[in-house]
Amino acid sequence: MCEDLDILQMLFSIYNIVRHILLLNDSSIFECIVRDENIIGVVSMLEHDPHHHIEVGSYRNFLRSHSQFKEVVPFGNADIEGKVRQTFRLQYLKDVVLQHIIDDGTLSVINALIFFNHAQIANYIHHNQKFLDELFGIIRQHDDPEKMRDVVQFVRQFYTITKGLPVGYRLGLFRTLSQHGLFLVFEYALQQSDRALRTTGADMLMSTLEQDRVLVRSYMLDQYRQQHDQPTLLELISERLHNDPCLEIRHMCCETLRILLDTMGPPFESMDMSTEMMAGSVAEKETDDFLAMFYDNQARGLIAPLASITAADVSRLTASSIHTGMLNFLCDVLTNMVKYHGQRAKKLVQSSGVIKGVSLLLASKHNHLKLSALRFIRVCVGMQDDVYVKYLISQNVVGVIVNLLLEMLPRDNLVASACRELLAFVANYRQSSLLPHLLGAHSKSLEKAPDVLEYLQSAYDNYLLSLEQSTNGGMATPTVSTGRRSAVSISMLVGRDSSAAGHAGSPAGVASGLWSSAVTDEIEDAYLESLDDTSDSATPCQKGV
């Protein structure tokens, strides 16, 4: 009546009364409000906020038009259907109707009611075998595309309401769903031309994988062993990564592969340590079998775009190109493979020639591609495996990195810092093959970066000194500089006598090893001069005064 008569002051007073009732933060009040007979009247009164203009009828019209939810498979339980409606209305109250007046207490009350409703709905579906059989049976029949789409959307919404439930409960829930055909939903969604449907399928798959990667690996192993004519889930993920026109879907597929291949993380995202310990041995065997299957059947095809890339392809890459993003993703996946998979990854890198493709990315115009390639090379070097090091040298990857460093020195950007860090790692850990190669084959180029060359040379000198100490039983011997950037130790000079004695029968004027040349006198003179300088500069205490 007040709306018909346009009595604004009375409408404002009614709004304030309802607002104060809601701010009492009593859960029973909200349970009463969201009933079918009360909800429209309450939101009608809350449309008359004196401080925020709201079009009259907007709240009630929305609830009238959107309160009819679509049942893919009938619940067959009036209480659960009522919980679904109540949850929708509570969410609408929290996000829209009460957004200007809600406080922390009100928010906690509404969230608690939503949580308990979600728990009851999830528990009903979890233990209703008939409902699950009918739901996933729609996907198996392949006779109604519209209903199959509805199943995908239903599963997505079900995932949404289970996010707030305890982790241990979700583990059991996902395993129950998988027994009825959960992964068939993912496979169906990933093969559709509708981008939204593919995105939904990829997102749900990644959520399942983050929760229980052992479950996903087990399903993929079973698929491979059964040898179906249809593409497997792992093949679909690889295909989406290579060919999907949507960058978001490619990114989710790459993240899915990264989690699948991550053998260092826990098999379950659970805080229940006893559960993890009981399943540890089974999970370890499943992981090893999965990696064997992956490297035998999928790994080479997965990295094929990176291994087959040419310099012309790299020059044509643009920042917004989907192909650019895919190469970046593949570099990251390959980096994790080398980091975690030992001999399997080493064999793949050697046999596929992928390092050549990665080195070509260092010539790209886009710094993020250069950094991805540098991360991969850095991990290969960080493995401290002579096989990787020799392969990098044979493919001239070291020379490309040196040239990239010299190119980026004037800019002093992240790429230059990454190159410096890589060379510093080589110097600090004294890579037995890589450090001499850098100083031997690329010292002339590195003269344009004198600080880098000096650091590498110093590290190599220390490396040689440590070798000498190890040959002398761990004791260092004094050294003297000859002025030619080399050092000679006293033990070398002592060895001169024995060397000369060994060649006493040699003809005069014929060189007899290192110490028969003219350099011998020069080294000995330098050594004696250093002793004189030391004696002159000694303090009175040192001279015995």
Protein backbone atom coordinates (compact mmCIF):
# COMPACT_ATOMS: atom_id res chain seq x y z
CA MET A 1 0.00 0.00 0.00
CA CYS A 2 2.84 2.40 0.81
CA GLU A 3 4.34 1.79 -2.63
CA ASP A 4 0.98 2.41 -4.32
CA LEU A 5 0.56 5.68 -2.43
CA ASP A 6 4.24 6.55 -2.85
CA ILE A 7 4.72 7.28 0.86
CA LEU A 8 8.52 7.38 0.88
CA GLN A 9 9.01 8.22 4.53
CA MET A 10 6.98 5.20 5.59
CA LEU A 11 8.91 2.98 3.18
CA PHE A 12 12.21 4.21 4.65
CA SER A 13 10.97 3.44 8.15
CA ILE A 14 9.99 -0.10 7.13
CA TYR A 15 13.44 -0.58 5.60
CA ASN A 16 15.14 0.50 8.83
CA ILE A 17 13.00 -1.85 10.91
CA VAL A 18 13.91 -4.84 8.73
CA ARG A 19 17.57 -3.82 8.68
CA HIS A 20 17.76 -3.74 12.46
CA ILE A 21 16.05 -7.13 12.70
CA LEU A 22 18.62 -8.64 10.35
CA LEU A 23 21.52 -7.10 12.28
CA LEU A 24 20.49 -9.08 15.35
CA ASN A 25 22.55 -11.85 13.70
CA ASP A 26 20.18 -14.65 14.68
CA SER A 27 20.35 -17.68 12.42
CA SER A 28 16.71 -18.58 13.09
CA ILE A 29 15.67 -15.20 11.67
CA PHE A 30 17.49 -15.88 8.40
CA GLU A 31 16.03 -19.40 8.22
CA CYS A 32 12.57 -17.82 8.51
CA ILE A 33 13.32 -15.12 5.94
CA VAL A 34 14.41 -17.52 3.16
CA ARG A 35 11.22 -19.58 3.30
CA ASP A 36 9.06 -19.58 0.18
CA GLU A 37 6.28 -17.56 1.83
CA ASN A 38 8.56 -14.83 3.28
CA ILE A 39 11.48 -14.15 0.95
CA ILE A 40 9.67 -11.97 -1.62
CA GLY A 41 8.13 -9.71 1.02
CA VAL A 42 11.44 -9.22 2.88
CA VAL A 43 13.45 -8.27 -0.20
CA SER A 44 10.61 -5.93 -1.27
CA MET A 45 11.04 -3.99 1.98
CA LEU A 46 14.83 -3.92 1.54
CA GLU A 47 14.49 -2.24 -1.87
CA HIS A 48 13.74 1.10 -0.20
CA ASP A 49 17.19 2.03 1.09
CA PRO A 50 17.19 5.81 1.77
CA HIS A 51 20.96 6.03 1.17
CA HIS A 52 21.22 3.95 -2.02
CA HIS A 53 18.76 4.29 -4.86
CA ILE A 54 17.47 0.90 -6.00
CA GLU A 55 14.92 0.40 -8.71
CA VAL A 56 11.65 -0.72 -7.16
CA GLY A 57 10.94 -4.36 -7.87
CA SER A 58 14.49 -5.32 -8.95
CA TYR A 59 15.14 -7.76 -6.07
CA ARG A 60 11.77 -9.47 -6.11
CA ASN A 61 11.69 -9.74 -9.91
CA PHE A 62 15.10 -11.40 -9.94
CA LEU A 63 14.09 -13.96 -7.34
CA ARG A 64 10.85 -14.72 -9.15
CA SER A 65 12.60 -15.26 -12.47
CA HIS A 66 15.63 -17.21 -11.19
CA SER A 67 14.23 -19.29 -8.33
CA GLN A 68 13.23 -22.17 -10.60
CA PHE A 69 16.32 -24.37 -10.74
CA LYS A 70 16.78 -27.00 -13.44
CA GLU A 71 16.98 -30.63 -12.36
CA VAL A 72 19.21 -32.77 -14.57
CA VAL A 73 18.18 -35.80 -12.51
CA PRO A 74 15.40 -35.42 -9.91
CA PHE A 75 16.63 -35.48 -6.33
CA GLY A 76 13.54 -37.28 -5.13
CA ASN A 77 13.85 -35.56 -1.74
CA ALA A 78 11.82 -32.46 -0.87
CA ASP A 79 14.15 -31.48 1.99
CA ILE A 80 17.21 -31.40 -0.28
CA GLU A 81 15.33 -29.39 -2.91
CA GLY A 82 14.40 -26.92 -0.17
CA LYS A 83 18.04 -26.68 0.94
CA VAL A 84 19.07 -25.86 -2.62
CA ARG A 85 16.56 -23.00 -2.82
CA GLN A 86 17.51 -21.68 0.61
CA THR A 87 21.20 -21.67 -0.28
CA PHE A 88 20.53 -19.69 -3.46
CA ARG A 89 18.50 -17.09 -1.54
CA LEU A 90 21.06 -16.78 1.23
CA GLN A 91 23.79 -16.24 -1.35
CA TYR A 92 21.68 -13.55 -3.06
CA LEU A 93 21.04 -11.81 0.25
CA LYS A 94 24.74 -11.80 1.10
CA ASP A 95 26.06 -10.66 -2.28
CA VAL A 96 23.34 -8.25 -3.44
CA VAL A 97 20.56 -7.29 -1.06
CA LEU A 98 22.62 -6.75 2.12
CA GLN A 99 25.91 -5.67 0.55
CA HIS A 100 25.66 -2.11 1.94
CA ILE A 101 24.61 -2.97 5.50
CA ILE A 102 26.19 -6.35 6.22
CA ASP A 103 28.72 -6.56 9.07
CA ASP A 104 31.11 -9.31 10.18
CA GLY A 105 28.58 -10.90 12.53
CA THR A 106 25.86 -11.06 9.88
CA LEU A 107 28.33 -12.39 7.34
CA SER A 108 29.44 -15.20 9.63
CA VAL A 109 25.83 -16.23 10.35
CA ILE A 110 24.94 -16.38 6.64
CA ASN A 111 28.16 -18.24 5.77
CA ALA A 112 27.48 -20.80 8.49
CA LEU A 113 23.97 -21.46 7.15
CA ILE A 114 25.32 -21.81 3.60
CA PHE A 115 28.03 -24.21 4.78
CA PHE A 116 25.60 -26.51 6.60
CA ASN A 117 23.28 -26.56 3.58
CA HIS A 118 26.21 -27.42 1.29
CA ALA A 119 27.26 -30.23 3.60
CA GLN A 120 23.78 -31.75 3.61
CA ILE A 121 23.42 -31.53 -0.18
CA ALA A 122 26.89 -33.04 -0.78
CA ASN A 123 26.28 -35.82 1.73
CA TYR A 124 22.97 -36.71 0.06
CA ILE A 125 24.54 -36.93 -3.41
CA HIS A 126 27.60 -38.76 -2.08
CA HIS A 127 25.54 -41.63 -0.67
CA ASN A 128 22.80 -41.76 -3.29
CA GLN A 129 24.02 -44.47 -5.66
CA LYS A 130 20.88 -44.41 -7.79
CA PHE A 131 21.18 -40.66 -8.37
CA LEU A 132 24.85 -40.95 -9.39
CA ASP A 133 24.17 -43.84 -11.76
CA GLU A 134 21.43 -41.88 -13.51
CA LEU A 135 23.52 -38.71 -13.64
CA PHE A 136 26.66 -40.18 -15.21
CA GLY A 137 24.60 -42.62 -17.27
CA ILE A 138 23.56 -39.64 -19.40
CA ILE A 139 27.21 -39.16 -20.42
CA ARG A 140 27.65 -42.85 -21.23
CA GLN A 141 24.57 -42.98 -23.48
CA HIS A 142 25.69 -40.12 -25.79
CA ASP A 143 22.14 -39.64 -27.07
CA ASP A 144 21.15 -36.17 -25.80
CA PRO A 145 23.76 -33.37 -26.23
CA GLU A 146 21.64 -30.88 -24.30
CA LYS A 147 21.37 -33.15 -21.27
CA MET A 148 25.08 -33.96 -21.47
CA ARG A 149 25.86 -30.24 -21.28
CA ASP A 150 23.55 -30.01 -18.27
CA VAL A 151 25.48 -32.81 -16.57
CA VAL A 152 28.75 -30.89 -17.04
CA GLN A 153 27.23 -27.74 -15.55
CA PHE A 154 25.73 -29.72 -12.65
CA VAL A 155 29.10 -31.29 -11.80
CA ARG A 156 30.74 -27.86 -11.97
CA GLN A 157 28.22 -26.42 -9.50
CA PHE A 158 28.65 -29.46 -7.28
CA TYR A 159 32.41 -28.83 -7.25
CA THR A 160 31.71 -25.25 -6.20
CA ILE A 161 29.67 -26.22 -3.14
CA THR A 162 32.22 -28.83 -2.02
CA LYS A 163 35.17 -26.39 -1.93
CA GLY A 164 34.39 -25.37 1.63
CA LEU A 165 34.04 -28.92 2.94
CA PRO A 166 36.83 -30.70 4.87
CA VAL A 167 39.70 -32.02 2.79
CA GLY A 168 39.38 -35.59 3.98
CA TYR A 169 35.69 -35.65 3.08
CA ARG A 170 36.41 -34.37 -0.43
CA LEU A 171 38.94 -37.17 -0.98
CA GLY A 172 36.28 -39.80 -0.37
CA LEU A 173 33.70 -37.86 -2.37
CA PHE A 174 35.88 -37.60 -5.49
CA ARG A 175 36.74 -41.29 -5.34
CA THR A 176 33.05 -42.17 -5.15
CA LEU A 177 32.27 -39.91 -8.12
CA SER A 178 35.14 -41.43 -10.12
CA GLN A 179 33.70 -44.92 -9.63
CA HIS A 180 30.47 -43.77 -11.29
CA GLY A 181 32.04 -41.97 -14.27
CA LEU A 182 33.41 -38.58 -13.18
CA PHE A 183 36.31 -38.67 -15.66
CA LEU A 184 33.89 -39.30 -18.54
CA VAL A 185 32.54 -35.81 -17.87
CA PHE A 186 36.03 -34.32 -18.25
CA GLU A 187 36.69 -36.22 -21.48
CA TYR A 188 33.37 -35.16 -22.96
CA ALA A 189 33.87 -31.49 -22.04
CA LEU A 190 37.42 -31.30 -23.42
CA GLN A 191 36.28 -32.57 -26.84
CA GLN A 192 33.52 -30.01 -27.36
CA SER A 193 33.68 -27.03 -29.70
CA ASP A 194 32.08 -24.78 -27.07
CA ARG A 195 34.86 -22.84 -25.38
CA ALA A 196 32.91 -22.41 -22.12
CA LEU A 197 32.36 -26.15 -21.89
CA ARG A 198 36.04 -26.92 -22.50
CA THR A 199 37.06 -24.36 -19.90
CA THR A 200 34.69 -25.92 -17.38
CA GLY A 201 36.06 -29.41 -18.02
CA ALA A 202 39.69 -28.30 -17.75
CA ASP A 203 38.99 -26.38 -14.55
CA MET A 204 37.23 -29.33 -12.87
CA LEU A 205 40.01 -31.70 -13.91
CA MET A 206 42.64 -29.41 -12.41
CA SER A 207 40.62 -29.11 -9.17
CA THR A 208 40.43 -32.92 -8.93
CA LEU A 209 44.14 -33.23 -9.61
CA GLU A 210 45.07 -30.69 -6.95
CA GLN A 211 42.98 -32.64 -4.46
CA ASP A 212 44.07 -36.21 -5.30
CA ARG A 213 46.69 -36.66 -8.01
CA VAL A 214 46.98 -40.39 -7.30
CA LEU A 215 43.34 -40.85 -8.31
CA VAL A 216 43.90 -39.13 -11.66
CA ARG A 217 47.11 -41.04 -12.38
CA SER A 218 45.40 -44.34 -11.58
CA TYR A 219 42.58 -43.58 -13.99
CA MET A 220 45.03 -42.69 -16.77
CA LEU A 221 47.00 -45.88 -16.17
CA ASP A 222 43.82 -47.97 -16.35
CA GLN A 223 42.87 -46.25 -19.59
CA TYR A 224 46.26 -47.02 -21.13
CA ARG A 225 46.14 -50.67 -20.07
CA GLN A 226 42.67 -51.18 -21.49
CA GLN A 227 43.74 -49.86 -24.93
CA HIS A 228 40.52 -48.09 -25.90
CA ASP A 229 39.95 -46.88 -29.47
CA GLN A 230 38.92 -43.48 -28.12
CA PRO A 231 41.61 -40.95 -27.14
CA THR A 232 42.70 -41.20 -23.54
CA LEU A 233 42.36 -38.35 -21.06
CA LEU A 234 46.12 -37.75 -21.15
CA GLU A 235 46.06 -37.54 -24.95
CA LEU A 236 43.19 -35.07 -24.80
CA ILE A 237 45.13 -32.85 -22.41
CA SER A 238 48.17 -32.86 -24.71
CA GLU A 239 46.00 -32.17 -27.74
CA ARG A 240 44.31 -29.22 -26.03
CA LEU A 241 47.70 -27.85 -25.02
CA HIS A 242 48.94 -27.97 -28.60
CA ASN A 243 45.88 -26.93 -30.57
CA ASP A 244 43.27 -25.19 -28.45
CA PRO A 245 42.57 -21.64 -29.69
CA CYS A 246 41.95 -20.43 -26.13
CA LEU A 247 45.07 -19.41 -24.21
CA GLU A 248 43.31 -19.91 -20.86
CA ILE A 249 42.57 -23.56 -21.65
CA ARG A 250 46.16 -24.13 -22.79
CA HIS A 251 47.39 -22.65 -19.54
CA MET A 252 45.14 -24.94 -17.48
CA CYS A 253 46.27 -27.98 -19.49
CA CYS A 254 49.90 -27.04 -18.90
CA GLU A 255 49.26 -26.64 -15.19
CA THR A 256 47.48 -30.01 -15.17
CA LEU A 257 50.50 -31.69 -16.76
CA ARG A 258 52.83 -29.94 -14.33
CA ILE A 259 50.91 -31.31 -11.34
CA LEU A 260 50.66 -34.76 -12.91
CA LEU A 261 54.43 -34.90 -13.44
CA ASP A 262 55.33 -33.42 -10.06
CA THR A 263 56.64 -36.38 -8.11
CA MET A 264 57.91 -34.30 -5.18
CA GLY A 265 54.55 -33.08 -3.90
CA PRO A 266 52.32 -35.04 -1.48
CA PRO A 267 50.04 -37.62 -3.13
CA PHE A 268 47.07 -36.18 -1.23
CA GLU A 269 46.29 -32.60 -0.25
CA SER A 270 45.38 -33.81 3.22
CA MET A 271 46.57 -32.97 6.70
CA ASP A 272 45.87 -36.51 7.85
CA MET A 273 49.40 -37.91 8.00
CA SER A 274 48.27 -41.45 8.80
CA THR A 275 46.30 -41.56 5.56
CA GLU A 276 49.34 -40.47 3.58
CA MET A 277 51.60 -43.02 5.27
CA MET A 278 49.19 -45.89 4.59
CA ALA A 279 48.84 -44.95 0.94
CA GLY A 280 52.48 -43.95 0.50
CA SER A 281 53.81 -47.20 -0.97
CA VAL A 282 50.83 -47.60 -3.29
CA ALA A 283 51.11 -43.99 -4.44
CA GLU A 284 54.85 -44.38 -5.08
CA LYS A 285 54.32 -47.43 -7.28
CA GLU A 286 51.45 -45.75 -9.13
CA THR A 287 53.65 -42.70 -9.75
CA ASP A 288 56.50 -44.79 -11.15
CA ASP A 289 54.15 -46.72 -13.43
CA PHE A 290 52.56 -43.51 -14.61
CA LEU A 291 55.92 -41.92 -15.44
CA ALA A 292 56.98 -45.04 -17.35
CA MET A 293 53.76 -44.90 -19.38
CA PHE A 294 54.09 -41.17 -19.97
CA TYR A 295 57.70 -41.26 -21.19
CA ASP A 296 57.06 -44.29 -23.38
CA ASN A 297 53.95 -42.92 -25.08
CA GLN A 298 53.36 -39.21 -24.56
CA ALA A 299 56.52 -37.30 -23.67
CA ARG A 300 58.06 -37.07 -27.14
CA GLY A 301 54.80 -35.93 -28.70
CA LEU A 302 54.24 -33.39 -25.93
CA ILE A 303 57.52 -31.54 -26.53
CA ALA A 304 57.47 -32.00 -30.34
CA PRO A 305 56.56 -28.32 -31.08
CA LEU A 306 59.56 -27.20 -29.03
CA ALA A 307 61.95 -29.76 -30.53
CA SER A 308 60.95 -29.02 -34.14
CA ILE A 309 60.96 -25.22 -33.98
CA THR A 310 63.23 -23.34 -36.41
CA ALA A 311 64.92 -19.94 -36.33
CA ALA A 312 62.38 -18.67 -38.87
CA ASP A 313 59.53 -19.77 -36.59
CA VAL A 314 61.10 -17.94 -33.65
CA SER A 315 61.47 -14.72 -35.65
CA ARG A 316 57.77 -14.78 -36.52
CA LEU A 317 56.54 -15.15 -32.94
CA THR A 318 54.45 -12.28 -31.59
CA ALA A 319 53.73 -11.39 -27.99
CA SER A 320 49.99 -12.12 -28.33
CA SER A 321 50.45 -15.35 -30.28
CA ILE A 322 48.96 -18.48 -28.71
CA HIS A 323 51.96 -20.41 -30.09
CA THR A 324 54.23 -18.16 -28.02
CA GLY A 325 52.34 -19.01 -24.87
CA MET A 326 52.46 -22.72 -25.67
CA LEU A 327 56.25 -22.66 -26.13
CA ASN A 328 56.57 -20.86 -22.82
CA PHE A 329 54.41 -23.52 -21.13
CA LEU A 330 56.39 -26.36 -22.71
CA CYS A 331 59.66 -24.89 -21.46
CA ASP A 332 58.26 -24.83 -17.93
CA VAL A 333 56.98 -28.41 -18.17
CA LEU A 334 60.30 -29.60 -19.57
CA THR A 335 62.15 -27.81 -16.79
CA ASN A 336 60.14 -29.69 -14.15
CA MET A 337 60.72 -32.97 -15.97
CA VAL A 338 64.50 -32.51 -15.88
CA LYS A 339 64.37 -31.42 -12.26
CA TYR A 340 62.36 -34.37 -10.95
CA HIS A 341 62.61 -37.32 -13.32
CA GLY A 342 66.30 -38.16 -13.47
CA GLN A 343 67.31 -40.72 -16.10
CA ARG A 344 63.98 -40.70 -17.93
CA ALA A 345 64.18 -36.97 -18.58
CA LYS A 346 67.87 -37.18 -19.46
CA LYS A 347 67.20 -39.82 -22.10
CA LEU A 348 64.33 -37.78 -23.53
CA VAL A 349 66.40 -34.59 -23.76
CA GLN A 350 69.26 -36.38 -25.51
CA SER A 351 67.15 -38.34 -27.98
CA SER A 352 64.66 -35.61 -28.90
CA GLY A 353 67.13 -32.79 -29.63
CA VAL A 354 64.92 -30.40 -27.70
CA ILE A 355 67.92 -28.41 -26.42
CA LYS A 356 68.48 -27.04 -29.91
CA GLY A 357 64.92 -25.70 -29.97
CA VAL A 358 65.31 -24.21 -26.51
CA SER A 359 68.54 -22.47 -27.52
CA LEU A 360 66.72 -20.91 -30.50
CA LEU A 361 64.29 -19.28 -28.08
CA LEU A 362 67.23 -17.31 -26.65
CA ALA A 363 67.19 -15.33 -29.91
CA SER A 364 63.50 -14.46 -29.54
CA LYS A 365 62.33 -10.85 -29.36
CA HIS A 366 60.32 -11.61 -26.24
CA ASN A 367 62.11 -11.61 -22.92
CA HIS A 368 59.67 -14.01 -21.21
CA LEU A 369 60.60 -16.68 -23.78
CA LYS A 370 64.29 -16.03 -23.20
CA LEU A 371 63.79 -16.38 -19.46
CA SER A 372 61.88 -19.65 -19.88
CA ALA A 373 64.73 -21.04 -22.00
CA LEU A 374 67.31 -19.84 -19.46
CA ARG A 375 65.40 -21.52 -16.62
CA PHE A 376 65.56 -24.82 -18.48
CA ILE A 377 69.29 -24.48 -19.19
CA ARG A 378 69.93 -23.40 -15.61
CA VAL A 379 68.21 -26.54 -14.30
CA CYS A 380 70.25 -28.72 -16.69
CA VAL A 381 73.48 -27.14 -15.44
CA GLY A 382 72.26 -27.31 -11.84
CA MET A 383 71.88 -31.08 -12.10
CA GLN A 384 75.73 -31.17 -12.19
CA ASP A 385 75.59 -34.08 -14.60
CA ASP A 386 78.39 -34.36 -17.15
CA VAL A 387 75.94 -35.75 -19.71
CA TYR A 388 73.90 -32.54 -19.68
CA VAL A 389 77.04 -30.38 -19.64
CA LYS A 390 78.66 -32.13 -22.60
CA TYR A 391 75.41 -31.99 -24.53
CA LEU A 392 75.08 -28.24 -23.89
CA ILE A 393 78.65 -27.73 -25.09
CA SER A 394 78.16 -29.84 -28.20
CA GLN A 395 75.04 -27.86 -29.15
CA ASN A 396 76.91 -24.54 -28.63
CA VAL A 397 74.32 -23.45 -26.06
CA VAL A 398 77.08 -21.93 -23.92
CA GLY A 399 78.15 -19.67 -26.77
CA VAL A 400 74.57 -18.52 -27.31
CA ILE A 401 74.28 -17.61 -23.61
CA VAL A 402 77.54 -15.66 -23.71
CA ASN A 403 76.37 -13.74 -26.77
CA LEU A 404 73.01 -13.07 -25.10
CA LEU A 405 74.79 -11.73 -22.01
CA LEU A 406 76.90 -9.38 -24.09
CA GLU A 407 73.80 -8.22 -25.96
CA MET A 408 71.88 -7.50 -22.75
CA LEU A 409 74.72 -5.90 -20.76
CA PRO A 410 73.87 -2.29 -21.72
CA ARG A 411 70.22 -2.84 -20.73
CA ASP A 412 70.96 -4.45 -17.35
CA ASN A 413 67.60 -6.24 -17.30
CA LEU A 414 66.30 -9.52 -15.91
CA VAL A 415 67.67 -11.51 -18.85
CA ALA A 416 71.19 -10.18 -18.23
CA SER A 417 70.84 -10.98 -14.52
CA ALA A 418 69.75 -14.53 -15.33
CA CYS A 419 72.79 -15.00 -17.61
CA ARG A 420 75.10 -13.66 -14.91
CA GLU A 421 73.55 -15.94 -12.30
CA LEU A 422 74.05 -18.95 -14.57
CA LEU A 423 77.73 -18.15 -15.12
CA ALA A 424 78.19 -17.42 -11.41
CA PHE A 425 76.75 -20.85 -10.62
CA VAL A 426 79.25 -22.44 -13.02
CA ALA A 427 82.07 -20.55 -11.30
CA ASN A 428 80.97 -21.19 -7.72
CA TYR A 429 80.44 -24.90 -8.19
CA ARG A 430 83.54 -25.23 -10.42
CA GLN A 431 81.90 -27.27 -13.14
CA SER A 432 84.77 -29.49 -14.24
CA SER A 433 83.79 -29.45 -17.93
CA LEU A 434 81.91 -26.18 -18.35
CA LEU A 435 84.29 -23.77 -16.63
CA PRO A 436 87.38 -24.66 -18.72
CA HIS A 437 85.21 -24.54 -21.84
CA LEU A 438 84.01 -21.04 -21.00
CA LEU A 439 87.56 -19.77 -20.44
CA GLY A 440 88.98 -21.62 -23.42
CA ALA A 441 86.40 -21.11 -26.16
CA HIS A 442 84.70 -17.88 -25.07
CA SER A 443 87.35 -15.89 -23.19
CA LYS A 444 87.82 -13.52 -26.11
CA SER A 445 84.11 -12.76 -26.23
CA LEU A 446 83.95 -12.36 -22.46
CA GLU A 447 86.63 -9.66 -22.57
CA LYS A 448 83.72 -7.30 -23.30
CA ALA A 449 82.45 -8.20 -19.81
CA PRO A 450 85.72 -8.00 -17.80
CA ASP A 451 84.07 -8.47 -14.41
CA VAL A 452 82.51 -11.75 -15.53
CA LEU A 453 85.77 -12.95 -17.09
CA GLU A 454 87.77 -12.04 -14.00
CA TYR A 455 85.33 -13.88 -11.75
CA LEU A 456 85.45 -17.00 -13.91
CA GLN A 457 89.26 -16.88 -14.11
CA SER A 458 89.55 -16.51 -10.34
CA ALA A 459 87.23 -19.46 -9.81
CA TYR A 460 89.24 -21.58 -12.21
CA ASP A 461 92.53 -20.65 -10.51
CA ASN A 462 91.04 -21.68 -7.17
CA TYR A 463 89.88 -24.91 -8.76
CA LEU A 464 93.41 -25.67 -9.97
CA LEU A 465 94.79 -24.82 -6.55
CA SER A 466 92.36 -27.22 -4.88
CA LEU A 467 93.47 -29.94 -7.28
CA GLU A 468 97.09 -29.29 -6.33
CA GLN A 469 96.22 -29.45 -2.65
CA SER A 470 94.54 -32.81 -3.13
CA THR A 471 97.63 -34.18 -4.90
CA ASN A 472 99.83 -32.93 -2.03
CA GLY A 473 97.83 -34.66 0.67
CA GLY A 474 95.57 -31.71 1.39
CA MET A 475 98.45 -29.25 2.11
CA ALA A 476 98.72 -26.06 0.11
CA THR A 477 102.14 -25.06 -1.24
CA PRO A 478 103.39 -21.48 -1.63
CA THR A 479 102.99 -20.06 -5.12
CA VAL A 480 104.71 -17.22 -6.90
CA SER A 481 103.47 -15.19 -9.82
CA THR A 482 105.65 -15.08 -12.93
CA GLY A 483 104.00 -11.98 -14.38
CA ARG A 484 102.28 -14.08 -17.06
CA ARG A 485 98.96 -14.66 -15.21
CA SER A 486 100.20 -18.07 -14.09
CA ALA A 487 101.46 -19.39 -10.79
CA VAL A 488 104.21 -21.82 -9.91
CA SER A 489 104.60 -23.62 -6.62
CA ILE A 490 107.72 -24.50 -4.67
CA SER A 491 106.99 -28.16 -5.22
CA MET A 492 107.39 -27.55 -8.95
CA LEU A 493 110.78 -25.96 -8.38
CA VAL A 494 111.82 -28.87 -6.17
CA GLY A 495 110.76 -31.23 -8.91
CA ARG A 496 113.17 -29.45 -11.26
CA ASP A 497 116.20 -31.26 -9.78
CA SER A 498 114.70 -34.69 -10.20
CA SER A 499 113.54 -33.80 -13.68
CA ALA A 500 117.01 -32.61 -14.65
CA ALA A 501 118.60 -35.70 -13.15
CA GLY A 502 116.32 -37.88 -15.19
CA HIS A 503 117.56 -36.20 -18.37
CA ALA A 504 121.31 -36.10 -17.50
CA GLY A 505 122.10 -38.23 -20.49
CA SER A 506 120.36 -35.99 -22.97
CA PRO A 507 122.45 -34.14 -25.55
CA ALA A 508 123.34 -30.54 -24.74
CA GLY A 509 120.90 -27.96 -26.00
CA VAL A 510 118.02 -30.45 -26.26
CA ALA A 511 114.91 -29.53 -24.24
CA SER A 512 114.17 -31.95 -21.40
CA GLY A 513 110.56 -31.42 -20.29
CA LEU A 514 109.16 -28.24 -18.74
CA TRP A 515 112.28 -27.24 -16.85
CA SER A 516 114.78 -27.54 -19.73
CA SER A 517 113.49 -24.40 -21.47
CA ALA A 518 114.47 -20.81 -20.99
CA VAL A 519 111.34 -20.28 -18.92
CA THR A 520 113.05 -22.14 -16.05
CA ASP A 521 115.52 -19.39 -15.33
CA GLU A 522 112.85 -16.74 -15.51
CA ILE A 523 110.63 -18.56 -13.00
CA GLU A 524 113.54 -19.19 -10.64
CA ASP A 525 114.65 -15.53 -10.80
CA ALA A 526 111.11 -14.38 -10.06
CA TYR A 527 110.94 -16.71 -7.08
CA LEU A 528 114.25 -15.49 -5.65
CA GLU A 529 113.27 -11.85 -6.18
CA SER A 530 110.04 -12.45 -4.28
CA LEU A 531 112.06 -13.86 -1.38
CA ASP A 532 114.29 -10.74 -1.37
CA ASP A 533 111.23 -8.46 -1.39
CA THR A 534 109.76 -10.37 1.52
CA SER A 535 112.97 -10.11 3.49
CA ASP A 536 113.24 -6.34 2.90
CA SER A 537 109.69 -5.69 3.97
CA ALA A 538 109.87 -7.84 7.14
CA THR A 539 109.28 -6.15 10.48
CA PRO A 540 111.99 -6.07 13.16
CA CYS A 541 110.12 -8.76 15.05
CA GLN A 542 110.10 -10.95 11.96
CA LYS A 543 113.84 -10.39 11.42
CA GLY A 544 114.60 -11.61 14.93
CA VAL A 545 115.53 -8.19 16.36
